[in-house]
């Protein structure tokens, strides 16, 4: 994950995070100051630092690296907690927001992972998820030609063990108990292209999420 000034996100990560927050805002959701936000698979906290700077929330990140590896950093403050997200989400008090960006595809027990998110949200709380799309336009072209699906793995490299499409991600969230589920694409054009982070790419991703390489889901706990 890229980090800019003070560890803030840049490039593709910044584009993805802004798309996710814009999508949440499009549902009519306001992020109140001092709200608690849990970010699962937080890496080095780039999203949380951006979130604290923009919305003055209490930001807590969960990942599996040793807290001793964390060094003093400039910029907004966020909390880090080590956790095996495959098995646990060590947090008790219900919160209004939970995010998991590019994490769901790493979970073997996706039912358990989504249930834990649901249980830790307060009533009316929101989850934001981004994950690769197995039915991307790229895979629709290359898989019928005999190529292995992009984003999936036949041996463990980065541990992509689950892939979703728009229909199944929506269904799985609904089966978990979520409502007001909406899905859009992160970007329609490849990030490697000159227009990958353009307004045109975002507009096409809004209209054609089922063809995008990565999708974003927003859902609410009743």
Protein backbone atom coordinates (compact mmCIF):
# COMPACT_ATOMS: atom_id res chain seq x y z
CA UNK A 1 0.00 0.00 0.00
CA UNK A 2 1.40 3.35 -1.01
CA UNK A 3 2.02 6.07 1.53
CA UNK A 4 2.45 9.76 0.83
CA UNK A 5 3.25 12.69 3.11
CA UNK A 6 2.89 11.62 6.74
CA UNK A 7 1.92 8.10 5.64
CA UNK A 8 -1.26 9.31 3.94
CA UNK A 9 -2.44 7.32 0.91
CA UNK A 10 -1.50 8.33 -2.63
CA UNK A 11 -2.15 7.05 -6.12
CA UNK A 12 -4.36 3.97 -6.48
CA UNK A 13 -4.99 3.66 -2.75
CA UNK A 14 -6.10 7.27 -2.44
CA UNK A 15 -8.43 6.82 -5.43
CA UNK A 16 -9.96 3.65 -3.88
CA UNK A 17 -10.40 5.19 -0.43
CA UNK A 18 -12.02 8.31 -1.82
CA UNK A 19 -14.34 6.19 -3.96
CA UNK A 20 -15.39 4.23 -0.87
CA UNK A 21 -16.05 7.33 1.24
CA UNK A 22 -17.91 9.03 -1.62
CA UNK A 23 -20.07 5.92 -1.99
CA UNK A 24 -20.92 5.98 1.72
CA UNK A 25 -21.79 9.67 1.47
CA UNK A 26 -24.03 8.92 -1.54
CA UNK A 27 -26.17 6.76 0.77
CA UNK A 28 -26.89 9.87 2.83
CA UNK A 29 -24.51 8.85 5.62
CA UNK A 30 -22.72 11.49 7.68
CA UNK A 31 -19.55 10.64 9.59
CA UNK A 32 -19.98 12.45 12.88
CA UNK A 33 -16.88 13.78 14.67
CA UNK A 34 -15.56 11.40 17.34
CA UNK A 35 -17.35 8.40 15.81
CA UNK A 36 -15.48 5.13 16.26
CA UNK A 37 -14.31 3.50 13.02
CA UNK A 38 -12.76 0.03 12.84
CA UNK A 39 -10.61 -0.76 9.79
CA UNK A 40 -9.89 -4.46 9.30
CA UNK A 41 -6.68 -5.27 7.47
CA UNK A 42 -5.42 -1.75 8.09
CA UNK A 43 -1.84 -2.32 6.85
CA UNK A 44 0.10 0.74 8.04
CA UNK A 45 -2.99 2.84 8.70
CA UNK A 46 -2.99 4.98 5.54
CA UNK A 47 -6.79 4.99 5.27
CA UNK A 48 -7.24 5.70 8.97
CA UNK A 49 -4.87 8.65 8.92
CA UNK A 50 -6.81 10.10 5.99
CA UNK A 51 -10.07 9.45 7.84
CA UNK A 52 -8.89 11.13 11.05
CA UNK A 53 -7.66 14.17 9.13
CA UNK A 54 -10.95 14.57 7.23
CA UNK A 55 -13.55 13.54 9.81
CA UNK A 56 -11.87 13.63 13.26
CA UNK A 57 -12.98 10.11 14.16
CA UNK A 58 -11.56 7.66 16.67
CA UNK A 59 -9.75 5.30 14.29
CA UNK A 60 -8.76 1.76 15.24
CA UNK A 61 -6.95 -0.55 12.85
CA UNK A 62 -6.65 -4.34 13.04
CA UNK A 63 -4.02 -6.45 11.28
CA UNK A 64 -1.61 -9.29 12.02
CA UNK A 65 1.75 -7.54 12.26
CA UNK A 66 3.64 -7.13 15.53
CA UNK A 67 2.89 -3.79 17.23
CA UNK A 68 6.61 -3.57 18.09
CA UNK A 69 7.28 -2.94 14.40
CA UNK A 70 5.32 0.30 14.49
CA UNK A 71 7.50 3.40 14.54
CA UNK A 72 6.60 6.96 15.59
CA UNK A 73 4.91 8.73 12.72
CA UNK A 74 3.78 12.23 11.81
CA UNK A 75 0.22 13.11 11.03
CA UNK A 76 -3.12 12.10 12.58
CA UNK A 77 -3.18 9.58 15.41
CA UNK A 78 -4.77 6.14 15.06
CA UNK A 79 -4.80 3.07 17.27
CA UNK A 80 -3.46 -0.33 16.22
CA UNK A 81 -4.49 -3.75 17.55
CA UNK A 82 -3.02 -7.06 16.45
CA UNK A 83 -5.65 -9.67 15.56
CA UNK A 84 -6.08 -12.87 13.56
CA UNK A 85 -9.05 -11.64 11.54
CA UNK A 86 -9.67 -15.16 10.24
CA UNK A 87 -10.70 -16.13 13.77
CA UNK A 88 -11.47 -13.02 15.82
CA UNK A 89 -12.39 -9.36 15.98
CA UNK A 90 -11.36 -8.36 19.50
CA UNK A 91 -13.72 -5.45 20.08
CA UNK A 92 -16.76 -5.33 22.36
CA UNK A 93 -18.56 -1.98 22.09
CA UNK A 94 -20.85 -1.60 19.04
CA UNK A 95 -19.54 0.94 16.52
CA UNK A 96 -21.14 2.91 13.66
CA UNK A 97 -18.54 2.10 10.98
CA UNK A 98 -16.38 -0.84 9.95
CA UNK A 99 -14.30 -1.10 6.78
CA UNK A 100 -12.44 -4.01 5.18
CA UNK A 101 -10.62 -3.05 2.00
CA UNK A 102 -9.15 -5.94 -0.01
CA UNK A 103 -9.53 -8.32 2.94
CA UNK A 104 -12.57 -10.54 2.26
CA UNK A 105 -10.75 -12.44 -0.50
CA UNK A 106 -8.17 -13.57 2.09
CA UNK A 107 -10.73 -15.13 4.46
CA UNK A 108 -11.33 -18.88 4.39
CA UNK A 109 -14.33 -18.60 6.72
CA UNK A 110 -16.14 -15.69 5.07
CA UNK A 111 -19.36 -16.48 6.98
CA UNK A 112 -17.57 -16.01 10.29
CA UNK A 113 -15.78 -12.87 9.13
CA UNK A 114 -19.00 -11.16 8.00
CA UNK A 115 -20.90 -12.28 11.10
CA UNK A 116 -18.26 -10.75 13.35
CA UNK A 117 -18.55 -7.46 11.45
CA UNK A 118 -22.34 -7.59 11.77
CA UNK A 119 -22.16 -8.31 15.50
CA UNK A 120 -19.71 -5.44 16.19
CA UNK A 121 -21.81 -2.84 14.37
CA UNK A 122 -24.39 -0.83 16.24
CA UNK A 123 -27.97 -0.83 14.95
CA UNK A 124 -28.00 1.31 11.83
CA UNK A 125 -24.21 0.99 11.50
CA UNK A 126 -22.45 0.71 8.15
CA UNK A 127 -19.88 -1.61 6.61
CA UNK A 128 -17.66 -0.69 3.66
CA UNK A 129 -15.99 -3.52 1.73
CA UNK A 130 -13.81 -3.65 -1.37
CA UNK A 131 -12.72 -6.91 -3.00
CA UNK A 132 -11.67 -8.29 -6.40
CA UNK A 133 -14.39 -9.22 -8.90
CA UNK A 134 -14.05 -12.66 -10.49
CA UNK A 135 -16.36 -11.59 -13.34
CA UNK A 136 -14.28 -8.58 -14.35
CA UNK A 137 -14.13 -7.67 -18.02
CA UNK A 138 -10.54 -8.91 -18.10
CA UNK A 139 -11.55 -12.37 -16.82
CA UNK A 140 -14.53 -12.52 -19.16
CA UNK A 141 -12.13 -12.12 -22.07
CA UNK A 142 -9.18 -14.21 -20.91
CA UNK A 143 -10.81 -17.16 -19.07
CA UNK A 144 -12.75 -18.43 -22.15
CA UNK A 145 -9.39 -18.37 -23.95
CA UNK A 146 -7.98 -20.78 -21.39
CA UNK A 147 -6.24 -18.30 -19.06
CA UNK A 148 -6.35 -18.70 -15.28
CA UNK A 149 -8.65 -16.11 -13.57
CA UNK A 150 -6.90 -12.92 -12.47
CA UNK A 151 -7.13 -12.45 -8.72
CA UNK A 152 -7.39 -16.12 -7.78
CA UNK A 153 -4.49 -18.38 -6.71
CA UNK A 154 -3.67 -22.05 -7.13
CA UNK A 155 -0.91 -21.77 -4.49
CA UNK A 156 -0.46 -19.37 -1.60
CA UNK A 157 1.24 -16.16 -2.70
CA UNK A 158 -0.89 -13.41 -1.16
CA UNK A 159 -3.62 -15.81 0.02
CA UNK A 160 -6.50 -14.97 -2.31
CA UNK A 161 -8.77 -17.89 -1.45
CA UNK A 162 -12.22 -16.40 -2.16
CA UNK A 163 -13.45 -14.31 -5.08
CA UNK A 164 -16.84 -12.64 -5.40
CA UNK A 165 -18.93 -11.04 -8.11
CA UNK A 166 -21.61 -8.37 -7.64
CA UNK A 167 -24.46 -10.86 -7.29
CA UNK A 168 -22.77 -13.13 -4.75
CA UNK A 169 -21.33 -10.31 -2.64
CA UNK A 170 -24.82 -8.77 -2.43
CA UNK A 171 -26.35 -12.15 -1.55
CA UNK A 172 -23.75 -12.94 1.10
CA UNK A 173 -24.24 -9.60 2.82
CA UNK A 174 -28.02 -10.04 2.71
CA UNK A 175 -27.76 -13.58 4.09
CA UNK A 176 -25.64 -12.22 6.95
CA UNK A 177 -28.46 -9.84 7.87
CA UNK A 178 -27.44 -6.57 6.20
CA UNK A 179 -29.85 -4.29 4.36
CA UNK A 180 -29.58 -1.30 2.00
CA UNK A 181 -26.81 -3.10 0.12
CA UNK A 182 -25.29 -1.22 -2.83
CA UNK A 183 -22.35 -2.15 -5.04
CA UNK A 184 -20.23 -0.11 -7.44
CA UNK A 185 -16.86 -0.60 -9.10
CA UNK A 186 -13.64 0.96 -7.87
CA UNK A 187 -12.43 1.86 -11.36
CA UNK A 188 -13.50 0.72 -14.81
CA UNK A 189 -10.22 1.39 -16.59
CA UNK A 190 -7.01 -0.35 -15.44
CA UNK A 191 -4.96 1.66 -12.95
CA UNK A 192 -1.97 1.04 -15.22
CA UNK A 193 -3.63 3.06 -17.99
CA UNK A 194 -3.29 6.88 -18.27
CA UNK A 195 -6.98 7.24 -17.35
CA UNK A 196 -7.15 4.64 -14.58
CA UNK A 197 -7.81 7.22 -11.85
CA UNK A 198 -9.89 9.57 -13.97
CA UNK A 199 -13.43 10.84 -13.57
CA UNK A 200 -14.37 8.87 -16.69
CA UNK A 201 -13.13 5.63 -15.10
CA UNK A 202 -15.16 6.39 -11.95
CA UNK A 203 -18.33 7.20 -13.89
CA UNK A 204 -18.09 3.96 -15.89
CA UNK A 205 -17.43 2.03 -12.67
CA UNK A 206 -20.64 3.46 -11.19
CA UNK A 207 -22.65 2.27 -14.18
CA UNK A 208 -20.88 -1.06 -14.86
CA UNK A 209 -19.64 -2.49 -11.54
CA UNK A 210 -19.98 -6.10 -12.73
CA UNK A 211 -17.19 -5.50 -15.28
CA UNK A 212 -14.70 -3.83 -12.94
CA UNK A 213 -11.62 -5.55 -11.53
CA UNK A 214 -12.54 -4.56 -7.96
CA UNK A 215 -15.92 -3.79 -6.44
CA UNK A 216 -17.10 -1.78 -3.42
CA UNK A 217 -20.06 -2.75 -1.28
CA UNK A 218 -21.87 -0.56 1.25
CA UNK A 219 -24.41 -2.13 3.60
CA UNK A 220 -26.27 -1.25 6.80
CA UNK A 221 -27.14 -3.26 9.89
CA UNK A 222 -30.91 -2.96 10.49
